[in-house]
N, C-alpha and C. Protein backbone atom coordinates (compact mmCIF):
# COMPACT_ATOMS: atom_id res chain seq x y z
N UNK A 1 0.80 -1.17 0.04
CA UNK A 1 0.02 0.01 0.02
C UNK A 1 0.86 1.34 0.08
N UNK A 2 0.50 2.15 -0.82
CA UNK A 2 1.24 3.53 -0.88
C UNK A 2 0.12 4.61 -0.51
N UNK A 3 0.37 5.72 0.14
CA UNK A 3 -0.47 6.58 0.45
C UNK A 3 0.13 7.96 -0.06
N UNK A 4 -0.66 8.93 -0.51
CA UNK A 4 -0.27 10.28 -0.77
C UNK A 4 -1.14 11.16 -0.23
N UNK A 5 -0.64 12.30 0.60
CA UNK A 5 -1.41 13.11 1.46
C UNK A 5 -1.39 14.51 0.71
N UNK A 6 -2.44 15.10 0.50
CA UNK A 6 -2.40 16.55 -0.12
C UNK A 6 -3.62 17.38 0.42
N UNK A 7 -3.38 18.58 0.44
CA UNK A 7 -4.45 19.51 0.78
C UNK A 7 -5.19 19.98 -0.61
N UNK A 8 -6.57 19.82 -0.62
CA UNK A 8 -7.33 20.03 -1.67
C UNK A 8 -8.50 21.18 -1.12
N UNK A 9 -8.33 22.31 -1.55
CA UNK A 9 -9.41 23.46 -1.13
C UNK A 9 -9.59 23.21 0.41
N UNK A 10 -10.79 22.93 0.87
CA UNK A 10 -11.16 22.76 2.35
C UNK A 10 -11.08 21.35 2.92
N UNK A 11 -10.29 20.51 2.08
CA UNK A 11 -10.30 19.10 2.57
C UNK A 11 -8.82 18.54 2.36
N UNK A 12 -8.67 17.45 3.00
CA UNK A 12 -7.41 16.76 2.81
C UNK A 12 -7.56 15.31 2.14
N UNK A 13 -6.89 15.18 1.06
CA UNK A 13 -7.04 14.02 0.23
C UNK A 13 -6.03 13.09 0.50
N UNK A 14 -6.40 11.84 0.81
CA UNK A 14 -5.63 10.69 1.07
C UNK A 14 -5.64 9.82 -0.11
N UNK A 15 -4.73 9.75 -1.16
CA UNK A 15 -4.86 8.75 -2.22
C UNK A 15 -4.13 7.54 -1.96
N UNK A 16 -4.74 6.46 -2.01
CA UNK A 16 -4.27 5.18 -1.64
C UNK A 16 -4.25 4.21 -2.88
N UNK A 17 -3.14 3.71 -2.94
CA UNK A 17 -2.90 2.51 -3.95
C UNK A 17 -2.52 1.36 -3.50
N UNK A 18 -2.72 0.15 -4.06
CA UNK A 18 -2.38 -1.10 -3.63
C UNK A 18 -3.42 -1.78 -2.91
N UNK A 19 -3.03 -2.57 -1.79
CA UNK A 19 -4.05 -3.31 -1.00
C UNK A 19 -4.13 -2.76 0.38
N UNK A 20 -5.32 -2.86 0.77
CA UNK A 20 -5.57 -2.40 2.26
C UNK A 20 -6.11 -3.66 2.93
N UNK A 21 -5.20 -4.11 3.83
CA UNK A 21 -5.74 -5.42 4.40
C UNK A 21 -5.12 -5.55 5.90
N UNK A 22 -5.11 -6.66 6.50
CA UNK A 22 -4.70 -6.71 7.93
C UNK A 22 -3.21 -6.24 8.10
N UNK A 23 -2.45 -6.33 7.16
CA UNK A 23 -0.90 -5.82 7.18
C UNK A 23 -0.84 -4.31 7.05
N UNK A 24 -1.50 -3.76 6.20
CA UNK A 24 -1.49 -2.37 5.83
C UNK A 24 -2.49 -1.44 6.53
N UNK A 25 -3.57 -1.96 7.08
CA UNK A 25 -4.66 -1.14 7.65
C UNK A 25 -4.05 -0.37 9.04
N UNK A 26 -3.11 -0.92 9.76
CA UNK A 26 -2.66 -0.04 10.90
C UNK A 26 -1.99 1.16 10.33
N UNK A 27 -1.12 1.10 9.31
CA UNK A 27 -0.55 2.16 8.82
C UNK A 27 -1.54 3.27 8.37
N UNK A 28 -2.38 2.81 7.47
CA UNK A 28 -3.47 3.68 7.17
C UNK A 28 -4.26 4.37 8.25
N UNK A 29 -4.42 3.64 9.33
CA UNK A 29 -5.16 4.22 10.42
C UNK A 29 -4.36 5.35 11.10
N UNK A 30 -2.97 5.10 11.18
CA UNK A 30 -2.07 6.12 11.78
C UNK A 30 -2.13 7.39 10.95
N UNK A 31 -2.08 7.27 9.58
CA UNK A 31 -2.20 8.33 8.55
C UNK A 31 -3.55 9.12 8.80
N UNK A 32 -4.56 8.49 8.79
CA UNK A 32 -5.95 9.15 9.03
C UNK A 32 -6.07 9.96 10.41
N UNK A 33 -5.71 9.16 11.32
CA UNK A 33 -5.84 9.75 12.60
C UNK A 33 -4.85 10.84 12.81
N UNK A 34 -3.77 10.81 12.40
CA UNK A 34 -2.73 11.87 12.50
C UNK A 34 -3.38 13.18 11.74
N UNK A 35 -3.87 13.01 10.67
CA UNK A 35 -4.61 14.14 9.88
C UNK A 35 -5.59 14.77 10.82
N UNK A 36 -6.33 13.93 11.20
CA UNK A 36 -7.60 14.61 12.06
C UNK A 36 -7.02 15.20 13.33
N UNK A 37 -6.01 14.73 14.08
CA UNK A 37 -5.37 15.24 15.16
C UNK A 37 -4.75 16.45 14.85
N UNK A 38 -4.20 16.71 13.53
CA UNK A 38 -3.67 17.99 13.23
C UNK A 38 -4.72 19.17 12.73
N UNK A 39 -5.98 18.73 12.85
CA UNK A 39 -6.98 19.56 12.52
C UNK A 39 -7.64 19.47 11.17
N UNK A 40 -7.02 18.38 10.36
CA UNK A 40 -7.65 18.17 9.17
C UNK A 40 -8.88 17.11 9.21
N UNK A 41 -9.97 17.73 9.51
CA UNK A 41 -11.05 16.94 9.77
C UNK A 41 -12.01 16.55 8.61
N UNK A 42 -11.79 17.25 7.46
CA UNK A 42 -12.51 16.94 6.43
C UNK A 42 -11.76 16.06 5.32
N UNK A 43 -12.03 14.79 5.46
CA UNK A 43 -11.07 13.99 4.70
C UNK A 43 -11.67 13.39 3.60
N UNK A 44 -10.97 13.29 2.31
CA UNK A 44 -11.32 12.44 1.14
C UNK A 44 -10.43 11.35 1.00
N UNK A 45 -11.00 10.07 1.18
CA UNK A 45 -10.11 8.99 0.81
C UNK A 45 -10.33 8.39 -0.51
N UNK A 46 -9.32 8.44 -1.27
CA UNK A 46 -9.49 8.06 -2.64
C UNK A 46 -9.07 6.49 -2.82
N UNK A 47 -10.12 5.60 -2.96
CA UNK A 47 -9.79 4.24 -3.22
C UNK A 47 -9.68 3.81 -4.71
N UNK A 48 -9.60 4.78 -5.63
CA UNK A 48 -9.70 4.60 -6.96
C UNK A 48 -8.55 3.63 -7.41
N UNK A 49 -7.35 3.73 -6.86
CA UNK A 49 -6.30 2.81 -7.14
C UNK A 49 -6.04 1.64 -6.23
N UNK A 50 -6.90 1.48 -5.41
CA UNK A 50 -6.81 0.28 -4.48
C UNK A 50 -7.33 -0.96 -5.12
N UNK A 51 -6.55 -1.96 -5.17
CA UNK A 51 -6.80 -3.15 -5.90
C UNK A 51 -7.68 -4.26 -5.04
N UNK A 52 -7.33 -4.08 -3.63
CA UNK A 52 -7.89 -5.14 -2.64
C UNK A 52 -8.33 -4.40 -1.28
N UNK A 53 -9.54 -4.62 -0.77
CA UNK A 53 -9.85 -3.89 0.49
C UNK A 53 -10.48 -5.07 1.31
N UNK A 54 -9.75 -5.35 2.42
CA UNK A 54 -10.34 -6.41 3.43
C UNK A 54 -11.16 -5.88 4.60
N UNK A 55 -11.82 -6.71 5.35
CA UNK A 55 -12.57 -6.23 6.47
C UNK A 55 -11.78 -5.28 7.48
N UNK A 56 -10.44 -5.49 7.45
CA UNK A 56 -9.52 -4.59 8.30
C UNK A 56 -9.49 -3.23 7.71
N UNK A 57 -9.34 -3.24 6.37
CA UNK A 57 -9.43 -2.00 5.81
C UNK A 57 -10.78 -1.17 6.00
N UNK A 58 -12.00 -1.83 5.95
CA UNK A 58 -13.18 -1.17 6.26
C UNK A 58 -13.26 -0.71 7.74
N UNK A 59 -12.86 -1.47 8.62
CA UNK A 59 -12.66 -1.21 9.99
C UNK A 59 -12.08 0.02 10.20
N UNK A 60 -10.84 0.24 9.57
CA UNK A 60 -9.97 1.41 9.60
C UNK A 60 -10.87 2.61 9.03
N UNK A 61 -11.56 2.53 7.96
CA UNK A 61 -12.17 3.66 7.41
C UNK A 61 -13.29 3.83 8.22
N UNK A 62 -14.03 2.98 9.03
CA UNK A 62 -15.16 3.13 9.76
C UNK A 62 -14.68 4.10 11.01
N UNK A 63 -13.61 3.61 11.62
CA UNK A 63 -13.02 4.35 12.80
C UNK A 63 -12.47 5.81 12.41
N UNK A 64 -12.08 6.06 11.33
CA UNK A 64 -11.78 7.38 10.86
C UNK A 64 -12.89 8.14 10.40
N UNK A 65 -13.98 7.70 9.90
CA UNK A 65 -15.32 8.37 9.78
C UNK A 65 -15.86 8.81 11.16
N UNK A 66 -15.83 8.01 12.16
CA UNK A 66 -16.44 8.16 13.58
C UNK A 66 -15.51 9.36 14.27
N UNK A 67 -14.12 9.10 14.05
CA UNK A 67 -13.14 10.13 14.64
C UNK A 67 -13.44 11.50 13.88
N UNK A 68 -13.42 11.64 12.66
CA UNK A 68 -13.67 12.98 11.92
C UNK A 68 -14.96 13.54 12.45
N UNK A 69 -15.96 12.71 12.38
CA UNK A 69 -17.26 13.39 12.84
C UNK A 69 -17.35 13.91 14.19
N UNK A 70 -16.70 13.05 15.15
CA UNK A 70 -16.55 13.65 16.55
C UNK A 70 -15.67 14.82 16.74
N UNK A 71 -14.91 15.19 15.73
CA UNK A 71 -14.20 16.32 15.68
C UNK A 71 -14.68 17.52 14.72
N UNK A 72 -15.88 17.47 14.45
CA UNK A 72 -16.69 18.42 13.54
C UNK A 72 -16.32 18.22 11.97
N UNK A 73 -15.82 17.14 11.61
CA UNK A 73 -15.65 17.04 10.07
C UNK A 73 -16.36 15.72 9.58
N UNK A 74 -15.72 15.26 8.58
CA UNK A 74 -16.47 13.98 7.90
C UNK A 74 -15.42 13.36 6.99
N UNK A 75 -15.70 12.24 6.49
CA UNK A 75 -14.88 11.37 5.69
C UNK A 75 -15.79 11.02 4.51
N UNK A 76 -15.17 11.49 3.23
CA UNK A 76 -15.74 11.09 1.98
C UNK A 76 -14.91 10.01 1.41
N UNK A 77 -15.51 9.22 0.51
CA UNK A 77 -14.79 8.40 -0.20
C UNK A 77 -15.01 8.56 -1.80
N UNK A 78 -13.74 8.38 -2.53
CA UNK A 78 -13.81 8.26 -3.89
C UNK A 78 -13.54 7.02 -4.36
N UNK A 79 -14.40 6.33 -5.20
CA UNK A 79 -14.06 5.03 -5.35
C UNK A 79 -14.86 4.57 -6.77
N UNK A 80 -13.88 4.64 -7.82
CA UNK A 80 -14.35 4.16 -9.11
C UNK A 80 -13.97 2.79 -9.55
N UNK A 81 -13.26 2.19 -8.50
CA UNK A 81 -12.91 0.79 -8.66
C UNK A 81 -14.02 -0.12 -8.46
N UNK A 82 -14.36 -0.82 -9.54
CA UNK A 82 -15.71 -1.85 -9.41
C UNK A 82 -15.64 -2.80 -8.17
N UNK A 83 -14.58 -3.43 -8.10
CA UNK A 83 -14.43 -4.48 -7.14
C UNK A 83 -14.31 -3.88 -5.72
N UNK A 84 -13.68 -2.70 -5.48
CA UNK A 84 -13.74 -2.06 -4.23
C UNK A 84 -15.15 -1.52 -3.89
N UNK A 85 -15.71 -0.89 -4.82
CA UNK A 85 -16.99 -0.31 -4.70
C UNK A 85 -18.06 -1.56 -4.34
N UNK A 86 -18.00 -2.70 -4.97
CA UNK A 86 -18.80 -3.81 -4.48
C UNK A 86 -18.61 -4.14 -3.12
N UNK A 87 -17.45 -4.31 -2.57
CA UNK A 87 -17.15 -4.45 -1.21
C UNK A 87 -17.65 -3.38 -0.23
N UNK A 88 -17.64 -2.03 -0.58
CA UNK A 88 -18.34 -1.15 0.05
C UNK A 88 -19.78 -1.25 0.08
N UNK A 89 -20.40 -1.52 -1.02
CA UNK A 89 -21.86 -1.74 -1.10
C UNK A 89 -22.32 -2.81 -0.23
N UNK A 90 -21.68 -4.04 -0.43
CA UNK A 90 -21.97 -5.20 0.28
C UNK A 90 -21.89 -5.05 1.85
N UNK A 91 -20.83 -4.31 2.34
CA UNK A 91 -20.71 -4.06 3.67
C UNK A 91 -21.57 -2.98 4.20
N UNK A 92 -22.34 -2.30 3.34
CA UNK A 92 -23.18 -1.21 3.75
C UNK A 92 -22.65 0.13 4.05
N UNK A 93 -21.25 0.22 3.56
CA UNK A 93 -20.69 1.53 3.77
C UNK A 93 -21.07 2.60 3.07
N UNK A 94 -21.78 2.37 1.86
CA UNK A 94 -22.46 3.54 1.32
C UNK A 94 -23.54 4.15 2.21
N UNK A 95 -23.81 3.42 3.15
CA UNK A 95 -24.96 4.00 4.21
C UNK A 95 -24.33 4.62 5.31
N UNK A 96 -23.04 4.43 5.41
CA UNK A 96 -22.33 5.13 6.60
C UNK A 96 -21.53 6.32 6.07
N UNK A 97 -20.91 6.25 4.81
CA UNK A 97 -20.12 7.43 4.37
C UNK A 97 -20.62 7.82 2.94
N UNK A 98 -20.46 9.02 2.56
CA UNK A 98 -20.73 9.38 0.98
C UNK A 98 -19.67 8.86 0.26
N UNK A 99 -20.11 8.22 -0.77
CA UNK A 99 -19.04 7.53 -1.83
C UNK A 99 -19.40 8.21 -3.12
N UNK A 100 -18.30 8.78 -3.56
CA UNK A 100 -18.21 9.56 -4.84
C UNK A 100 -17.61 8.78 -6.05
N UNK A 101 -17.79 9.03 -7.14
CA UNK A 101 -17.15 8.11 -8.37
C UNK A 101 -15.78 8.78 -8.59
N UNK A 102 -15.58 10.04 -8.42
CA UNK A 102 -14.20 10.72 -8.55
C UNK A 102 -13.80 11.55 -7.41
N UNK A 103 -12.46 11.78 -7.38
CA UNK A 103 -11.84 12.59 -6.27
C UNK A 103 -12.49 14.01 -6.32
N UNK A 104 -12.51 14.64 -7.45
CA UNK A 104 -12.98 15.97 -7.57
C UNK A 104 -14.48 16.23 -6.92
N UNK A 105 -15.30 15.08 -7.35
CA UNK A 105 -16.63 15.18 -6.69
C UNK A 105 -16.66 15.16 -5.15
N UNK A 106 -15.81 14.31 -4.71
CA UNK A 106 -15.73 14.03 -3.27
C UNK A 106 -15.16 15.29 -2.58
N UNK A 107 -14.22 15.85 -3.00
CA UNK A 107 -13.61 17.08 -2.57
C UNK A 107 -14.64 18.28 -2.66
N UNK A 108 -15.37 18.57 -3.76
CA UNK A 108 -16.29 19.65 -3.97
C UNK A 108 -17.36 19.37 -3.06
N UNK A 109 -17.63 18.30 -2.66
CA UNK A 109 -18.99 17.93 -1.67
C UNK A 109 -18.85 18.63 -0.47
N UNK A 110 -17.59 19.02 -0.01
CA UNK A 110 -17.47 19.73 1.14
C UNK A 110 -17.78 21.24 1.00
N UNK A 111 -18.04 21.67 -0.27
CA UNK A 111 -18.26 23.03 -0.41
C UNK A 111 -19.62 23.37 -0.04
N UNK A 112 -20.59 22.54 -0.27
CA UNK A 112 -21.97 22.64 -0.14
C UNK A 112 -22.52 22.43 1.30
């Protein structure tokens, strides 16, 4: 798993590539929680280049959603990857967090 973090308008974009599983989820959790602790509470997690997402990855995202919301922000997901999007839908994640097909749409969703 590789991550890239950058500021986009009024949100922080975390672009992830590779696999998010039991081995990489703790690293992702540190990155997400560090951003929230630094006051970057509007997060966009891009899963567009993620090839595999396990339940450990879903738990990490859920924890970050809860933490961001408890700090006055939110977490949005950009996911155009059909396989990962299917996992998000099957797990009910579309009911927990807003999921957008592109990074740009997810970032701009914080403007409204």
